[in-house]
Amino acid sequence: MTSLPASGQHQTTDTGSDSRQGFVSSTDRNRIRELEVQLTELLGENERLRAAQQELRAAAAAADAATTAKSELLAHASHEIRSQLQLISGAIDLFRQTRLDETQRHYLDGFQHANDLLLCLVNDILDTSLLEAGHLRLESLPFDLAGLVAATGTQLLWQAQRKGLELSWHVSPDVPPRILGDPARVQQVIVNLAGNAIKFTPEGTVTIRVERIPVPLTASSSAMIRFVIEDTGIGIPVDRLGGIFESYDQGSPETPKRFGGTGLGLAIAKGLIEAMDGDISVESSEGRGSRFIVTIPFCLTITGGRQASADGQEKASESAPPLRILVAEDAEDIRMLIAAFLRGASHQVRSAANGREALDMFMAEDFDLVLMDIQMPVMDGYTATRTLREWEREQGRAPVPVVALTACAEKSDSLKTIEAGCTSHLSKPIRKDTLLRTVAELARQ
């Protein structure tokens, strides 16, 4: 007889623990498959991101190349246009030295006004490019704001009188006599806004007011200045106010046909104001005129130093002892104009058509000053100036002042001329009084 196990006891067979270790449940297999799918998707996404990154790099390189090409084109166009404007402004300055009747003076005023407008257009295009690229650089000079406003108003007066408009300006007595900033850019803002007001005002008045905003918490070393440019012109439709500070926006599709212009003035003014940590707003309605309100913070200055005059130029007497001056300029007609300016002030002038000729003449003769054009054939002004400075060092000679003449108006170009060894820098078109002031200042040094 076979005995049965006791009640409550069960007979089991031990198959060993190793057989259980190789067992994978269906749940685990499904999870593994899900992870494999996710890994494949991640690897694919990674490849797509790498491809997108390469495309972005290629696009960035193309954008950089396009920006460089644009800058080179603008620099070349600026040089060509400014060179021609130099001839016009120079001829006007020379004509003013002759005997003229009232009609002839009126014609010259018109020529000068047209020349100034063309120069403003060139500057607007260049400034737009600088603002878009974030390359705008501001000066920090002490200047007389009241004098600058008066000089700017006088500059715009002919344009207003030609249309029969009354142009007036007023600077409040509480405006500090001297502030620290970029006088040329402040003047540019006023010219853009007041020039627009004149353009869009068929009859009536244009006023420029400048006042100090009382701010109790402002430090005594700074001042908040408000500029108000108001006109009785055509005004701006309410639905167009939001876009008038955009480039090429002129308020209405009919505006360019009636008044001309590029639509860049307000956009540039806004960019300059914001670069100076200021703000601009507008109040207007169609047919009832416009009021532009600008606020800009300025630092106060009570110290001496380089003082800018009312028109943004440095103060200097135009008189200087007769100097021997070497003019290096490839354009014959511009050489003629500059020589005429200098000889009219009793200076002796020698001319060279390129940097190589200028170097040969400089090493063979004694000169008190060199006016060096930057863009010249055979040898450019940068190379000529560097070689000239090296020769002076080798000969143990004191450095002769070299003034760079360039059609490029960017500050970076000015810095490049200084790095090449130039003493100072003048941008074309160069007015006679500006040239003679610079020569006189260097003569005193």
Protein backbone atom coordinates (compact mmCIF):
# COMPACT_ATOMS: atom_id res chain seq x y z
CA MET A 1 0.00 0.00 0.00
CA THR A 2 1.09 3.35 -0.75
CA SER A 3 0.83 5.83 2.00
CA LEU A 4 -0.65 9.26 1.30
CA PRO A 5 0.87 12.46 2.62
CA ALA A 6 -0.47 13.80 5.78
CA SER A 7 -3.43 16.13 5.65
CA GLY A 8 -2.42 19.81 4.97
CA GLN A 9 0.82 18.78 3.29
CA HIS A 10 1.42 19.26 -0.48
CA GLN A 11 4.07 17.60 -2.56
CA THR A 12 6.02 20.03 -4.80
CA THR A 13 8.77 19.58 -7.29
CA ASP A 14 11.73 22.06 -7.20
CA THR A 15 12.69 22.97 -10.79
CA GLY A 16 15.46 25.26 -9.57
CA SER A 17 15.78 29.04 -9.39
CA ASP A 18 17.85 29.34 -12.65
CA SER A 19 14.83 28.62 -14.85
CA ARG A 20 12.99 31.65 -13.36
CA GLN A 21 15.85 34.05 -14.10
CA GLY A 22 15.39 33.71 -17.87
CA PHE A 23 11.67 34.39 -17.75
CA VAL A 24 10.40 37.83 -19.16
CA SER A 25 6.80 38.71 -18.75
CA SER A 26 4.74 40.07 -21.61
CA THR A 27 4.46 43.39 -19.76
CA ASP A 28 8.23 43.77 -19.67
CA ARG A 29 8.54 42.87 -23.35
CA ASN A 30 6.01 45.55 -24.27
CA ARG A 31 7.87 48.12 -22.18
CA ILE A 32 11.17 47.22 -23.87
CA ARG A 33 9.57 47.65 -27.29
CA GLU A 34 8.19 51.05 -26.25
CA LEU A 35 11.62 52.14 -25.07
CA GLU A 36 13.21 50.98 -28.32
CA VAL A 37 10.65 52.98 -30.31
CA GLN A 38 11.28 56.06 -28.14
CA LEU A 39 15.04 55.68 -28.59
CA THR A 40 14.63 55.49 -32.36
CA GLU A 41 12.44 58.57 -32.31
CA LEU A 42 14.96 60.45 -30.14
CA LEU A 43 17.81 59.52 -32.46
CA GLY A 44 15.76 60.73 -35.43
CA GLU A 45 14.87 63.97 -33.65
CA ASN A 46 18.54 64.46 -32.79
CA GLU A 47 19.46 64.11 -36.47
CA ARG A 48 16.75 66.58 -37.41
CA LEU A 49 18.05 69.05 -34.80
CA ARG A 50 21.58 68.67 -36.14
CA ALA A 51 20.34 69.32 -39.67
CA ALA A 52 18.35 72.36 -38.48
CA GLN A 53 21.43 73.64 -36.62
CA GLN A 54 23.51 73.32 -39.78
CA GLU A 55 20.82 75.17 -41.74
CA LEU A 56 20.77 77.93 -39.13
CA ARG A 57 24.56 78.23 -39.27
CA ALA A 58 24.41 78.44 -43.06
CA ALA A 59 21.62 81.04 -42.86
CA ALA A 60 23.59 83.07 -40.29
CA ALA A 61 26.68 82.95 -42.50
CA ALA A 62 24.60 84.05 -45.49
CA ALA A 63 23.06 86.87 -43.43
CA ASP A 64 26.51 87.99 -42.28
CA ALA A 65 27.74 87.93 -45.87
CA ALA A 66 24.70 89.93 -46.99
CA THR A 67 25.25 92.46 -44.19
CA THR A 68 28.91 92.81 -45.16
CA ALA A 69 27.99 93.23 -48.82
CA LYS A 70 25.36 95.81 -47.88
CA SER A 71 27.84 97.74 -45.75
CA GLU A 72 30.42 97.69 -48.54
CA LEU A 73 27.83 98.87 -51.06
CA LEU A 74 26.69 101.68 -48.76
CA ALA A 75 30.28 102.71 -48.09
CA HIS A 76 31.06 102.80 -51.82
CA ALA A 77 27.82 104.64 -52.65
CA SER A 78 28.45 107.08 -49.80
CA HIS A 79 31.96 107.80 -51.10
CA GLU A 80 30.73 108.47 -54.64
CA ILE A 81 27.78 110.65 -53.60
CA ARG A 82 29.69 112.59 -50.95
CA SER A 83 32.50 113.31 -53.39
CA GLN A 84 30.02 114.95 -55.77
CA LEU A 85 28.34 116.83 -52.92
CA GLN A 86 31.81 118.07 -51.96
CA LEU A 87 32.10 119.70 -55.39
CA ILE A 88 28.70 121.36 -55.11
CA SER A 89 29.20 122.70 -51.58
CA GLY A 90 32.75 123.76 -52.36
CA ALA A 91 31.70 125.65 -55.48
CA ILE A 92 28.95 127.38 -53.49
CA ASP A 93 31.47 128.48 -50.84
CA LEU A 94 33.79 129.84 -53.53
CA PHE A 95 30.96 131.68 -55.29
CA ARG A 96 30.01 133.35 -52.02
CA GLN A 97 33.46 134.96 -51.96
CA THR A 98 32.69 136.83 -55.19
CA ARG A 99 30.54 139.91 -55.71
CA LEU A 100 26.91 138.82 -55.88
CA ASP A 101 23.63 140.65 -56.21
CA GLU A 102 20.53 139.70 -54.25
CA THR A 103 19.17 137.42 -56.97
CA GLN A 104 22.44 135.52 -57.23
CA ARG A 105 22.59 135.08 -53.47
CA HIS A 106 19.05 133.70 -53.58
CA TYR A 107 20.09 131.19 -56.25
CA LEU A 108 23.08 130.13 -54.16
CA ASP A 109 20.83 129.66 -51.12
CA GLY A 110 18.68 127.35 -53.21
CA PHE A 111 21.71 125.37 -54.39
CA GLN A 112 22.96 125.10 -50.82
CA HIS A 113 19.56 123.94 -49.61
CA ALA A 114 19.39 121.25 -52.32
CA ASN A 115 22.91 120.13 -51.45
CA ASP A 116 22.02 119.91 -47.75
CA LEU A 117 18.91 117.86 -48.52
CA LEU A 118 20.92 115.39 -50.60
CA LEU A 119 23.45 115.08 -47.80
CA CYS A 120 20.64 114.46 -45.31
CA LEU A 121 19.29 111.71 -47.57
CA VAL A 122 22.69 110.00 -47.70
CA ASN A 123 23.05 110.31 -43.93
CA ASP A 124 19.54 108.93 -43.39
CA ILE A 125 20.31 105.82 -45.42
CA LEU A 126 23.58 105.25 -43.57
CA ASP A 127 22.03 105.91 -40.17
CA THR A 128 19.22 103.46 -40.89
CA SER A 129 21.79 100.80 -41.66
CA LEU A 130 23.73 101.57 -38.46
CA LEU A 131 20.61 101.50 -36.29
CA GLU A 132 19.44 98.21 -37.80
CA ALA A 133 22.85 96.64 -37.18
CA GLY A 134 23.17 98.11 -33.68
CA HIS A 135 26.45 99.83 -34.61
CA LEU A 136 25.49 103.43 -33.81
CA ARG A 137 28.06 105.14 -31.57
CA LEU A 138 27.39 108.38 -29.67
CA GLU A 139 29.86 111.13 -28.77
CA SER A 140 30.04 112.68 -25.31
CA LEU A 141 30.96 116.36 -25.60
CA PRO A 142 30.09 119.47 -23.61
CA PHE A 143 27.99 121.85 -25.68
CA ASP A 144 25.70 124.87 -25.52
CA LEU A 145 22.15 123.58 -26.14
CA ALA A 146 20.60 127.04 -26.54
CA GLY A 147 23.22 127.94 -29.14
CA LEU A 148 22.69 124.66 -30.95
CA VAL A 149 18.92 125.24 -31.13
CA ALA A 150 19.47 128.76 -32.46
CA ALA A 151 21.92 127.52 -35.10
CA THR A 152 19.52 124.76 -36.12
CA GLY A 153 16.59 127.16 -36.36
CA THR A 154 18.65 129.50 -38.51
CA GLN A 155 19.60 126.58 -40.74
CA LEU A 156 15.90 125.72 -41.25
CA LEU A 157 14.73 129.31 -41.61
CA TRP A 158 15.29 129.56 -45.36
CA GLN A 159 13.24 126.41 -45.92
CA ALA A 160 10.36 127.82 -43.85
CA GLN A 161 10.44 131.28 -45.38
CA ARG A 162 10.40 129.79 -48.85
CA LYS A 163 6.95 128.34 -48.02
CA GLY A 164 5.78 131.52 -46.29
CA LEU A 165 5.79 129.86 -42.85
CA GLU A 166 6.65 131.44 -39.53
CA LEU A 167 9.40 129.46 -37.81
CA SER A 168 10.27 130.29 -34.22
CA TRP A 169 12.28 128.72 -31.44
CA HIS A 170 12.54 129.32 -27.72
CA VAL A 171 14.82 127.87 -25.05
CA SER A 172 13.61 128.23 -21.48
CA PRO A 173 15.97 130.13 -19.13
CA ASP A 174 16.12 127.14 -16.77
CA VAL A 175 17.85 124.98 -19.41
CA PRO A 176 21.48 124.48 -18.26
CA PRO A 177 24.02 126.53 -20.25
CA ARG A 178 26.23 123.49 -20.84
CA ILE A 179 25.32 119.83 -21.04
CA LEU A 180 27.18 116.68 -21.98
CA GLY A 181 26.05 114.68 -25.00
CA ASP A 182 26.29 114.23 -28.74
CA PRO A 183 25.49 117.67 -30.22
CA ALA A 184 25.46 116.43 -33.82
CA ARG A 185 22.86 113.75 -33.03
CA VAL A 186 20.74 116.14 -30.94
CA GLN A 187 20.78 118.57 -33.85
CA GLN A 188 19.88 115.75 -36.24
CA VAL A 189 16.80 114.92 -34.17
CA ILE A 190 15.67 118.56 -34.21
CA VAL A 191 16.32 118.89 -37.94
CA ASN A 192 14.39 115.71 -38.72
CA LEU A 193 11.37 116.68 -36.62
CA ALA A 194 11.28 120.38 -37.46
CA GLY A 195 12.11 119.67 -41.11
CA ASN A 196 9.14 117.28 -41.24
CA ALA A 197 6.93 119.90 -39.63
CA ILE A 198 7.91 122.45 -42.28
CA LYS A 199 7.39 119.94 -45.08
CA PHE A 200 3.90 118.97 -43.93
CA THR A 201 2.69 122.49 -43.10
CA PRO A 202 1.23 124.30 -46.13
CA GLU A 203 0.60 127.49 -44.12
CA GLY A 204 0.87 128.75 -40.59
CA THR A 205 3.59 128.22 -38.02
CA VAL A 206 6.23 125.81 -36.81
CA THR A 207 7.63 126.22 -33.30
CA ILE A 208 10.54 124.61 -31.45
CA ARG A 209 10.48 124.80 -27.65
CA VAL A 210 13.11 123.48 -25.28
CA GLU A 211 12.61 123.33 -21.53
CA ARG A 212 13.88 121.57 -18.45
CA ILE A 213 11.55 119.12 -16.74
CA PRO A 214 11.61 119.58 -12.95
CA VAL A 215 12.30 116.17 -11.43
CA PRO A 216 12.82 116.40 -7.64
CA LEU A 217 14.60 113.06 -7.36
CA THR A 218 17.01 113.76 -10.20
CA ALA A 219 20.63 114.22 -9.15
CA SER A 220 22.07 117.70 -9.45
CA SER A 221 24.56 116.41 -12.02
CA SER A 222 21.85 115.58 -14.58
CA ALA A 223 18.88 117.24 -16.25
CA MET A 224 15.84 115.98 -18.13
CA ILE A 225 15.25 118.13 -21.21
CA ARG A 226 11.98 118.28 -23.14
CA PHE A 227 11.90 119.26 -26.83
CA VAL A 228 8.50 120.16 -28.31
CA ILE A 229 8.13 120.59 -32.08
CA GLU A 230 4.66 121.81 -33.00
CA ASP A 231 3.08 122.77 -36.31
CA THR A 232 -0.24 123.83 -37.83
CA GLY A 233 0.09 121.40 -40.72
CA ILE A 234 -1.98 118.61 -42.23
CA GLY A 235 -1.77 116.41 -39.15
CA ILE A 236 -1.80 112.62 -39.01
CA PRO A 237 -4.88 110.38 -39.17
CA VAL A 238 -5.55 108.78 -35.80
CA ASP A 239 -5.45 105.27 -37.25
CA ARG A 240 -1.96 105.93 -38.65
CA LEU A 241 -0.34 107.28 -35.48
CA GLY A 242 0.82 103.86 -34.32
CA GLY A 243 3.05 103.27 -37.34
CA ILE A 244 4.60 106.65 -38.10
CA PHE A 245 7.88 105.75 -36.40
CA GLU A 246 8.36 102.74 -38.65
CA SER A 247 10.83 103.03 -41.53
CA TYR A 248 9.26 104.15 -44.82
CA ASP A 249 5.91 104.88 -43.16
CA GLN A 250 4.59 108.29 -44.20
CA GLY A 251 1.20 108.31 -42.54
CA SER A 252 -0.86 108.06 -45.72
CA PRO A 253 -0.40 106.51 -49.18
CA GLU A 254 -0.91 109.96 -50.69
CA THR A 255 1.87 111.58 -48.63
CA PRO A 256 4.84 110.61 -50.86
CA LYS A 257 3.00 111.90 -53.93
CA ARG A 258 2.24 115.28 -52.35
CA PHE A 259 5.32 115.91 -50.22
CA GLY A 260 8.05 113.49 -51.33
CA GLY A 261 10.62 112.06 -48.94
CA THR A 262 11.73 108.56 -47.97
CA GLY A 263 9.81 108.00 -44.74
CA LEU A 264 13.07 107.45 -42.82
CA GLY A 265 13.25 110.69 -40.82
CA LEU A 266 10.95 109.78 -37.92
CA ALA A 267 12.31 106.24 -37.64
CA ILE A 268 15.86 107.59 -37.43
CA ALA A 269 14.85 110.28 -34.93
CA LYS A 270 13.21 107.64 -32.72
CA GLY A 271 16.29 105.39 -32.97
CA LEU A 272 18.64 108.25 -32.04
CA ILE A 273 16.44 109.37 -29.15
CA GLU A 274 16.26 105.84 -27.73
CA ALA A 275 20.03 105.48 -28.15
CA MET A 276 20.32 108.57 -25.90
CA ASP A 277 17.98 106.90 -23.34
CA GLY A 278 15.19 109.27 -24.33
CA ASP A 279 11.59 108.94 -25.40
CA ILE A 280 9.37 110.40 -28.15
CA SER A 281 5.59 110.69 -28.42
CA VAL A 282 3.19 112.42 -30.79
CA GLU A 283 -0.16 114.18 -30.47
CA SER A 284 -2.00 114.80 -33.72
CA SER A 285 -5.27 114.64 -35.59
CA GLU A 286 -5.88 115.01 -39.28
CA GLY A 287 -6.15 118.62 -40.43
CA ARG A 288 -5.21 120.09 -37.02
CA GLY A 289 -1.43 119.92 -36.92
CA SER A 290 0.98 117.80 -34.91
CA ARG A 291 3.02 118.03 -31.74
CA PHE A 292 6.10 115.85 -31.22
CA ILE A 293 7.39 115.64 -27.66
CA VAL A 294 10.92 114.40 -26.98
CA THR A 295 12.51 113.89 -23.58
CA ILE A 296 16.24 113.17 -23.23
CA PRO A 297 18.33 112.97 -20.05
CA PHE A 298 21.64 114.83 -20.14
CA CYS A 299 24.57 115.04 -17.76
CA LEU A 300 25.64 118.50 -16.67
CA THR A 301 29.22 119.67 -17.04
CA ILE A 302 31.08 122.48 -15.35
CA THR A 303 34.58 121.43 -16.30
CA GLY A 304 36.66 122.65 -19.20
CA GLY A 305 37.76 120.57 -22.14
CA ARG A 306 36.77 120.06 -25.72
CA GLN A 307 33.80 122.37 -26.29
CA ALA A 308 31.40 121.90 -29.18
CA SER A 309 29.94 125.01 -30.74
CA ALA A 310 26.32 125.66 -31.63
CA ASP A 311 26.46 123.79 -34.91
CA GLY A 312 28.08 120.74 -33.34
CA GLN A 313 31.59 121.64 -34.48
CA GLU A 314 34.46 122.33 -32.13
CA LYS A 315 35.21 125.96 -31.47
CA ALA A 316 38.38 127.26 -33.03
CA SER A 317 39.57 130.43 -34.64
CA GLU A 318 39.72 130.23 -38.41
CA SER A 319 42.90 132.32 -38.49
CA ALA A 320 46.26 130.56 -38.57
CA PRO A 321 49.79 131.46 -39.61
CA PRO A 322 50.65 130.52 -43.21
CA LEU A 323 51.43 126.81 -43.41
CA ARG A 324 52.93 124.50 -46.04
CA ILE A 325 50.19 121.95 -46.60
CA LEU A 326 50.29 118.73 -48.62
CA VAL A 327 46.91 117.70 -50.08
CA ALA A 328 46.62 114.03 -51.13
CA GLU A 329 43.38 113.55 -53.10
CA ASP A 330 42.76 111.52 -56.26
CA ALA A 331 39.87 113.68 -57.58
CA GLU A 332 41.39 116.64 -59.41
CA ASP A 333 38.36 118.90 -58.99
CA ILE A 334 38.27 118.29 -55.22
CA ARG A 335 42.01 119.01 -55.02
CA MET A 336 41.28 122.30 -56.76
CA LEU A 337 38.53 123.21 -54.28
CA ILE A 338 40.57 122.37 -51.19
CA ALA A 339 43.58 124.24 -52.57
CA ALA A 340 41.37 127.27 -53.24
CA PHE A 341 40.06 127.19 -49.66
CA LEU A 342 43.58 127.00 -48.24
CA ARG A 343 45.22 129.54 -50.55
CA GLY A 344 42.43 131.96 -49.71
CA ALA A 345 43.70 131.77 -46.11
CA SER A 346 47.32 132.42 -47.24
CA HIS A 347 48.52 128.82 -46.96
CA GLN A 348 50.97 127.25 -49.43
CA VAL A 349 49.59 124.11 -51.06
CA ARG A 350 51.18 121.15 -52.80
CA SER A 351 48.99 118.40 -54.26
CA ALA A 352 49.36 114.66 -54.86
CA ALA A 353 46.98 112.37 -56.77
CA ASN A 354 47.58 109.23 -54.69
CA GLY A 355 49.26 107.94 -51.55
CA ARG A 356 52.48 106.99 -53.32
CA GLU A 357 52.94 110.49 -54.76
CA ALA A 358 52.14 112.00 -51.37
CA LEU A 359 54.79 109.86 -49.66
CA ASP A 360 57.46 110.80 -52.23
CA MET A 361 56.66 114.51 -51.82
CA PHE A 362 56.54 114.26 -48.02
CA MET A 363 59.98 112.63 -47.87
CA ALA A 364 61.49 115.19 -50.27
CA GLU A 365 60.01 118.42 -48.85
CA ASP A 366 59.07 119.96 -45.52
CA PHE A 367 55.36 120.27 -44.68
CA ASP A 368 53.49 121.58 -41.65
CA LEU A 369 50.29 119.61 -42.31
CA VAL A 370 49.00 116.78 -44.51
CA LEU A 371 45.41 116.39 -45.72
CA MET A 372 45.10 112.72 -46.63
CA ASP A 373 42.20 111.29 -48.62
CA ILE A 374 41.53 107.70 -47.55
CA GLN A 375 40.25 106.08 -50.76
CA MET A 376 42.89 106.62 -53.46
CA PRO A 377 44.38 104.48 -56.24
CA VAL A 378 47.97 103.10 -56.22
CA MET A 379 48.20 103.52 -52.43
CA ASP A 380 45.30 104.35 -50.12
CA GLY A 381 45.42 106.84 -47.28
CA TYR A 382 45.68 104.22 -44.52
CA THR A 383 48.81 102.67 -46.04
CA ALA A 384 50.33 106.03 -46.90
CA THR A 385 49.85 107.33 -43.35
CA ARG A 386 51.31 104.19 -41.73
CA THR A 387 54.34 104.34 -44.05
CA LEU A 388 54.72 108.07 -43.39
CA ARG A 389 54.71 107.54 -39.61
CA GLU A 390 57.24 104.72 -39.89
CA TRP A 391 59.55 106.92 -41.99
CA GLU A 392 59.27 109.74 -39.42
CA ARG A 393 60.31 107.35 -36.64
CA GLU A 394 63.24 106.04 -38.65
CA GLN A 395 64.41 109.60 -39.38
CA GLY A 396 63.89 110.76 -35.81
CA ARG A 397 61.46 113.45 -36.92
CA ALA A 398 58.59 114.94 -34.95
CA PRO A 399 55.23 113.72 -36.30
CA VAL A 400 53.49 116.11 -38.71
CA PRO A 401 49.71 116.39 -38.23
CA VAL A 402 47.77 114.28 -40.76
CA VAL A 403 44.06 114.96 -41.26
CA ALA A 404 42.11 112.12 -42.87
CA LEU A 405 39.57 113.14 -45.52
CA THR A 406 36.95 110.48 -46.02
CA ALA A 407 33.49 110.10 -47.48
CA CYS A 408 32.63 107.55 -44.79
CA ALA A 409 30.75 109.08 -41.88
CA GLU A 410 30.74 106.17 -39.41
CA LYS A 411 32.66 106.49 -36.15
CA SER A 412 34.37 103.17 -36.87
CA ASP A 413 35.96 104.78 -39.92
CA SER A 414 37.22 107.62 -37.75
CA LEU A 415 38.76 105.11 -35.35
CA LYS A 416 40.49 103.31 -38.24
CA THR A 417 42.10 106.55 -39.39
CA ILE A 418 43.39 107.22 -35.86
CA GLU A 419 44.79 103.68 -35.66
CA ALA A 420 46.59 104.28 -38.97
CA GLY A 421 48.32 107.31 -37.47
CA CYS A 422 46.09 110.22 -38.51
CA THR A 423 45.78 113.14 -36.10
CA SER A 424 42.13 113.90 -36.84
CA HIS A 425 39.35 113.12 -39.27
CA LEU A 426 36.99 115.13 -41.51
CA SER A 427 33.99 113.69 -43.35
CA LYS A 428 33.08 114.84 -46.83
CA PRO A 429 31.54 117.06 -47.97
CA ILE A 430 33.92 119.39 -46.12
CA ARG A 431 32.81 122.99 -45.76
CA LYS A 432 35.37 125.75 -46.03
CA ASP A 433 34.87 127.06 -42.49
CA THR A 434 35.17 123.53 -41.04
CA LEU A 435 38.43 122.90 -42.90
CA LEU A 436 39.96 126.23 -41.87
CA ARG A 437 38.92 125.73 -38.23
CA THR A 438 40.63 122.36 -38.19
CA VAL A 439 43.80 123.75 -39.78
CA ALA A 440 43.86 126.63 -37.30
CA GLU A 441 43.41 124.32 -34.32
CA LEU A 442 46.24 122.02 -35.47
CA ALA A 443 48.46 125.03 -36.14
CA ARG A 444 48.05 126.16 -32.53
CA GLN A 445 49.01 122.72 -31.26
